[in-house]
Amino acid sequence: MTSPNRAIILAAGQGKRLLPLTEARPKCLIELSGRTLLAWQLLRLQAAGVQEAVIVTGFRADAVEAEVAALDLKMPVRLVFNPFYTVSDNTASCWIVRQEFDREVMILNGDTLFGPGVAETLLGAPPADITVTIDRKPAYDADDMKVLTENGRLKAIGKTIEAYDAESIGFLRFSKAGAAKFIAGVERVLQTPEGLRRWYLSVIDELARSGVDVKVVSVEGLDWGEMDFPQDVENLTRLSGPWGDPSVA
């Protein structure tokens, strides 16, 4: 398995739990230690050797486009607009860019901040149809995307699963075959009555339970965090403060 040369960032949502910070900008454009969350993501992906990024936009897509243009990246970045972002969850964003899953690819939540070594750990993980990046900690809260693992494999994933021993950080890698299985699962889910309200990780859960080769790779000890609530802005600013310039890392 070669390294994916494309990363897909799901950044269509507004982030209403962060209001008023997200009244006029999506949460991926909140500034942390002098850079937006999106800028940190793109610079980290570029530094890890990813060759191109595709961003699924929705709320204030124009602001995201302006931010990408201002970054002057060496890595090409394409934006794809999800017109259904106000009435759907991120499974629909995956469907909007389903044609981008024609190769080995990575997918990243638009609210996941990650520091040095995280992307490299995922890229260097052993071959699998799907690889889910996880972390482990002493306790988990209701908003964590919990994961149950067994011998390096993912057995279940979801916020309400009863048995778990880790959490997903919202960063995945697919082989070409795994990407095809994922998109087939996305299309199946979107044909159900509740499909538009489903998280894409619920598709990963179904695939793992059906026997698809879904493995995990841990980034225990490395820096990362999610942007969901106002307190997260302070925490992630403190986390990213010492990182320096990813473009020269």
Foldseek 3Di string as FASTA:
>chain_A
DAFAQEEEEEFADQQVQAPPVSVQHRQQQDDFQHGGVVLQVVLLCVLLPRQAYEYEYHRPVVVVVVNVVVSPDPHYYHYDYDPCRVPFACLSVCLSVLVVLQFKYKYAYSFKHFAPPQVNQQRPDDDFQKEFEKEFDDDDDQPFFFFADDPQFTQATGSPDPDGGIGTRGMMIGGSNSSVQLNVLSVVLCVDPCSRHDDSVVSVRVCNNVPGGYGYTYPYPGDMDGDNHNVVSVVSSVRCNVRPRSNVD
